[in-house]
Amino acid sequence: MDVVLLQDVDKLGAEGTVMHVKPGYARNYLLPRGLAVAATPQQLKLVEATARRRQQRAEQLKAEAEALKQKLEGRSLTLKLNVGADDKPFGSITTHDLAEALKQDQVAIEKHAIQLEQPIKTLGVFDVPVKLHTHVTATLKVWVVKA
């Protein structure tokens, strides 16, 4: 029996896929729980339309991420770090600080997208990767200077 999955089902398939399963499995497990519906021609058309919409949305999100990447790589941030007498830092620059500085520059990036392995605790120039999409990563230039 062919069914269209309405949700992801472990060890069977992802949402929107057409799967061939035994009639008892479909009748006793998938259909009563609302995990699948019978694969009728109408359901197959609906699945194809949904897949096209998802593909278009994914392409749109990737294009937006590419545009944001161009915007980010064309600029640099300058952040101030308090240092002591021997250039010993009093604090660090974190992803939160970077996200706030970007927000001041009218660029909305979540702090979880900033791929900073360790907080910045020294003066200098750093290249910080920012993951904008699963396939798009921008590099942000960060200048850390004395406050």
C-alpha atoms as a PDB file:
ATOM      1  CA  MET A   1       0.000   0.000   0.000  1.00  0.00           C
ATOM      2  CA  ASP A   2       1.318   3.442  -0.890  1.00  0.00           C
ATOM      3  CA  VAL A   3       0.980   6.244   1.672  1.00  0.00           C
ATOM      4  CA  VAL A   4       2.008   9.885   1.839  1.00  0.00           C
ATOM      5  CA  LEU A   5       3.749  10.747   5.114  1.00  0.00           C
ATOM      6  CA  LEU A   6       2.345  13.798   6.889  1.00  0.00           C
ATOM      7  CA  GLN A   7       5.143  13.841   9.485  1.00  0.00           C
ATOM      8  CA  ASP A   8       8.658  12.466   9.790  1.00  0.00           C
ATOM      9  CA  VAL A   9       8.478   8.822  10.864  1.00  0.00           C
ATOM     10  CA  ASP A  10      11.577   7.161  12.357  1.00  0.00           C
ATOM     11  CA  LYS A  11      13.049   4.401  10.227  1.00  0.00           C
ATOM     12  CA  LEU A  12      10.501   5.047   7.457  1.00  0.00           C
ATOM     13  CA  GLY A  13      10.823   8.461   5.836  1.00  0.00           C
ATOM     14  CA  ALA A  14      10.493  12.222   5.928  1.00  0.00           C
ATOM     15  CA  GLU A  15       7.391  14.358   5.717  1.00  0.00           C
ATOM     16  CA  GLY A  16       5.900  14.582   2.236  1.00  0.00           C
ATOM     17  CA  THR A  17       7.449  11.406   0.849  1.00  0.00           C
ATOM     18  CA  VAL A  18       5.493   8.605  -0.755  1.00  0.00           C
ATOM     19  CA  MET A  19       6.316   5.244   0.815  1.00  0.00           C
ATOM     20  CA  HIS A  20       5.220   1.694   0.049  1.00  0.00           C
ATOM     21  CA  VAL A  21       4.307  -0.062   3.312  1.00  0.00           C
ATOM     22  CA  LYS A  22       2.452  -3.186   4.294  1.00  0.00           C
ATOM     23  CA  PRO A  23      -1.332  -2.655   4.487  1.00  0.00           C
ATOM     24  CA  GLY A  24      -1.507  -3.663   8.152  1.00  0.00           C
ATOM     25  CA  TYR A  25       1.189  -1.163   9.161  1.00  0.00           C
ATOM     26  CA  ALA A  26      -0.653   1.606   7.343  1.00  0.00           C
ATOM     27  CA  ARG A  27      -4.110   0.608   8.584  1.00  0.00           C
ATOM     28  CA  ASN A  28      -3.156  -0.063  12.220  1.00  0.00           C
ATOM     29  CA  TYR A  29      -0.372   2.441  12.900  1.00  0.00           C
ATOM     30  CA  LEU A  30       0.187   5.218  10.343  1.00  0.00           C
ATOM     31  CA  LEU A  31      -3.377   6.156   9.394  1.00  0.00           C
ATOM     32  CA  PRO A  32      -5.001   6.171  12.886  1.00  0.00           C
ATOM     33  CA  ARG A  33      -2.194   8.300  14.349  1.00  0.00           C
ATOM     34  CA  GLY A  34      -2.404  10.851  11.541  1.00  0.00           C
ATOM     35  CA  LEU A  35       1.160  10.145  10.409  1.00  0.00           C
ATOM     36  CA  ALA A  36       0.136   9.338   6.825  1.00  0.00           C
ATOM     37  CA  VAL A  37      -2.728   9.322   4.353  1.00  0.00           C
ATOM     38  CA  ALA A  38      -3.447   6.990   1.465  1.00  0.00           C
ATOM     39  CA  ALA A  39      -1.604   7.962  -1.712  1.00  0.00           C
ATOM     40  CA  THR A  40      -4.439   9.063  -3.983  1.00  0.00           C
ATOM     41  CA  PRO A  41      -3.822  11.093  -7.155  1.00  0.00           C
ATOM     42  CA  GLN A  42      -5.151  14.172  -5.361  1.00  0.00           C
ATOM     43  CA  GLN A  43      -2.742  13.650  -2.439  1.00  0.00           C
ATOM     44  CA  LEU A  44       0.179  13.159  -4.836  1.00  0.00           C
ATOM     45  CA  LYS A  45      -0.610  16.488  -6.549  1.00  0.00           C
ATOM     46  CA  LEU A  46      -0.764  18.168  -3.159  1.00  0.00           C
ATOM     47  CA  VAL A  47       2.607  16.674  -2.193  1.00  0.00           C
ATOM     48  CA  GLU A  48       4.189  17.906  -5.428  1.00  0.00           C
ATOM     49  CA  ALA A  49       2.817  21.418  -4.914  1.00  0.00           C
ATOM     50  CA  THR A  50       4.089  21.485  -1.333  1.00  0.00           C
ATOM     51  CA  ALA A  51       7.521  20.282  -2.435  1.00  0.00           C
ATOM     52  CA  ARG A  52       7.700  23.039  -5.067  1.00  0.00           C
ATOM     53  CA  ARG A  53       6.781  25.694  -2.467  1.00  0.00           C
ATOM     54  CA  ARG A  54       9.424  24.372  -0.078  1.00  0.00           C
ATOM     55  CA  GLN A  55      12.051  24.392  -2.827  1.00  0.00           C
ATOM     56  CA  GLN A  56      11.196  27.970  -3.803  1.00  0.00           C
ATOM     57  CA  ARG A  57      11.322  29.079  -0.164  1.00  0.00           C
ATOM     58  CA  ALA A  58      14.697  27.367   0.326  1.00  0.00           C
ATOM     59  CA  GLU A  59      16.095  29.095  -2.764  1.00  0.00           C
ATOM     60  CA  GLN A  60      14.745  32.432  -1.551  1.00  0.00           C
ATOM     61  CA  LEU A  61      16.340  31.979   1.887  1.00  0.00           C
ATOM     62  CA  LYS A  62      19.673  31.072   0.292  1.00  0.00           C
ATOM     63  CA  ALA A  63      19.537  34.143  -1.971  1.00  0.00           C
ATOM     64  CA  GLU A  64      18.832  36.362   1.055  1.00  0.00           C
ATOM     65  CA  ALA A  65      21.756  34.772   2.897  1.00  0.00           C
ATOM     66  CA  GLU A  66      24.058  35.396  -0.101  1.00  0.00           C
ATOM     67  CA  ALA A  67      23.013  39.076  -0.160  1.00  0.00           C
ATOM     68  CA  LEU A  68      23.672  39.376   3.572  1.00  0.00           C
ATOM     69  CA  LYS A  69      27.046  37.696   3.082  1.00  0.00           C
ATOM     70  CA  GLN A  70      28.053  40.364   0.561  1.00  0.00           C
ATOM     71  CA  LYS A  71      26.914  43.045   2.997  1.00  0.00           C
ATOM     72  CA  LEU A  72      28.868  41.545   5.920  1.00  0.00           C
ATOM     73  CA  GLU A  73      32.095  40.874   4.050  1.00  0.00           C
ATOM     74  CA  GLY A  74      32.199  44.456   2.844  1.00  0.00           C
ATOM     75  CA  ARG A  75      32.452  45.904   6.345  1.00  0.00           C
ATOM     76  CA  SER A  76      34.472  45.542   9.506  1.00  0.00           C
ATOM     77  CA  LEU A  77      33.707  46.090  13.172  1.00  0.00           C
ATOM     78  CA  THR A  78      35.839  47.964  15.664  1.00  0.00           C
ATOM     79  CA  LEU A  79      35.303  46.997  19.287  1.00  0.00           C
ATOM     80  CA  LYS A  80      37.038  48.370  22.357  1.00  0.00           C
ATOM     81  CA  LEU A  81      38.521  46.153  25.049  1.00  0.00           C
ATOM     82  CA  ASN A  82      39.591  47.441  28.446  1.00  0.00           C
ATOM     83  CA  VAL A  83      43.230  46.563  29.129  1.00  0.00           C
ATOM     84  CA  GLY A  84      45.482  47.045  32.140  1.00  0.00           C
ATOM     85  CA  ALA A  85      49.051  48.265  32.509  1.00  0.00           C
ATOM     86  CA  ASP A  86      50.699  45.269  30.862  1.00  0.00           C
ATOM     87  CA  ASP A  87      48.058  45.049  28.108  1.00  0.00           C
ATOM     88  CA  LYS A  88      46.265  42.484  30.229  1.00  0.00           C
ATOM     89  CA  PRO A  89      42.566  42.427  29.257  1.00  0.00           C
ATOM     90  CA  PHE A  90      39.750  43.140  31.700  1.00  0.00           C
ATOM     91  CA  GLY A  91      37.059  41.069  30.037  1.00  0.00           C
ATOM     92  CA  SER A  92      36.525  39.727  26.552  1.00  0.00           C
ATOM     93  CA  ILE A  93      34.595  40.175  23.325  1.00  0.00           C
ATOM     94  CA  THR A  94      31.821  37.564  23.025  1.00  0.00           C
ATOM     95  CA  THR A  95      29.269  36.634  20.387  1.00  0.00           C
ATOM     96  CA  HIS A  96      26.752  38.777  22.253  1.00  0.00           C
ATOM     97  CA  ASP A  97      29.020  41.818  21.905  1.00  0.00           C
ATOM     98  CA  LEU A  98      29.492  41.143  18.197  1.00  0.00           C
ATOM     99  CA  ALA A  99      25.744  40.747  17.645  1.00  0.00           C
ATOM    100  CA  GLU A 100      25.061  44.021  19.476  1.00  0.00           C
ATOM    101  CA  ALA A 101      27.713  45.853  17.419  1.00  0.00           C
ATOM    102  CA  LEU A 102      26.155  44.506  14.211  1.00  0.00           C
ATOM    103  CA  LYS A 103      22.732  45.607  15.421  1.00  0.00           C
ATOM    104  CA  GLN A 104      24.137  49.142  15.847  1.00  0.00           C
ATOM    105  CA  ASP A 105      25.199  48.964  12.169  1.00  0.00           C
ATOM    106  CA  GLN A 106      21.625  48.003  11.152  1.00  0.00           C
ATOM    107  CA  VAL A 107      22.500  44.334  10.483  1.00  0.00           C
ATOM    108  CA  ALA A 108      20.367  41.854  12.427  1.00  0.00           C
ATOM    109  CA  ILE A 109      22.369  38.690  13.113  1.00  0.00           C
ATOM    110  CA  GLU A 110      21.597  36.307  15.946  1.00  0.00           C
ATOM    111  CA  LYS A 111      24.472  35.598  18.298  1.00  0.00           C
ATOM    112  CA  HIS A 112      24.125  31.854  17.663  1.00  0.00           C
ATOM    113  CA  ALA A 113      25.023  32.393  14.002  1.00  0.00           C
ATOM    114  CA  ILE A 114      28.399  33.860  14.960  1.00  0.00           C
ATOM    115  CA  GLN A 115      30.902  30.990  15.023  1.00  0.00           C
ATOM    116  CA  LEU A 116      33.370  32.310  17.615  1.00  0.00           C
ATOM    117  CA  GLU A 117      35.235  29.368  19.170  1.00  0.00           C
ATOM    118  CA  GLN A 118      36.570  31.286  22.181  1.00  0.00           C
ATOM    119  CA  PRO A 119      35.847  34.826  23.399  1.00  0.00           C
ATOM    120  CA  ILE A 120      38.395  37.332  22.079  1.00  0.00           C
ATOM    121  CA  LYS A 121      40.735  38.371  24.904  1.00  0.00           C
ATOM    122  CA  THR A 122      43.553  40.080  22.999  1.00  0.00           C
ATOM    123  CA  LEU A 123      44.015  43.147  20.852  1.00  0.00           C
ATOM    124  CA  GLY A 124      44.323  42.741  17.101  1.00  0.00           C
ATOM    125  CA  VAL A 125      42.429  41.864  13.938  1.00  0.00           C
ATOM    126  CA  PHE A 126      40.292  38.738  13.798  1.00  0.00           C
ATOM    127  CA  ASP A 127      38.307  37.011  11.058  1.00  0.00           C
ATOM    128  CA  VAL A 128      35.101  35.662  12.573  1.00  0.00           C
ATOM    129  CA  PRO A 129      32.908  33.244  10.585  1.00  0.00           C
ATOM    130  CA  VAL A 130      29.152  33.906  10.581  1.00  0.00           C
ATOM    131  CA  LYS A 131      26.893  31.038   9.474  1.00  0.00           C
ATOM    132  CA  LEU A 132      23.986  32.618   7.641  1.00  0.00           C
ATOM    133  CA  HIS A 133      22.577  29.479   5.997  1.00  0.00           C
ATOM    134  CA  THR A 134      23.509  25.814   5.874  1.00  0.00           C
ATOM    135  CA  HIS A 135      25.516  26.476   2.700  1.00  0.00           C
ATOM    136  CA  VAL A 136      26.462  30.146   3.233  1.00  0.00           C
ATOM    137  CA  THR A 137      29.122  31.343   5.677  1.00  0.00           C
ATOM    138  CA  ALA A 138      30.409  34.913   5.737  1.00  0.00           C
ATOM    139  CA  THR A 139      33.680  36.141   7.236  1.00  0.00           C
ATOM    140  CA  LEU A 140      33.469  39.240   9.409  1.00  0.00           C
ATOM    141  CA  LYS A 141      36.595  41.297  10.104  1.00  0.00           C
ATOM    142  CA  VAL A 142      36.769  42.420  13.734  1.00  0.00           C
ATOM    143  CA  TRP A 143      39.277  44.980  14.992  1.00  0.00           C
ATOM    144  CA  VAL A 144      39.854  44.909  18.766  1.00  0.00           C
ATOM    145  CA  VAL A 145      41.493  48.071  20.085  1.00  0.00           C
ATOM    146  CA  LYS A 146      42.303  49.594  23.501  1.00  0.00           C
ATOM    147  CA  ALA A 147      39.459  51.354  25.238  1.00  0.00           C
END
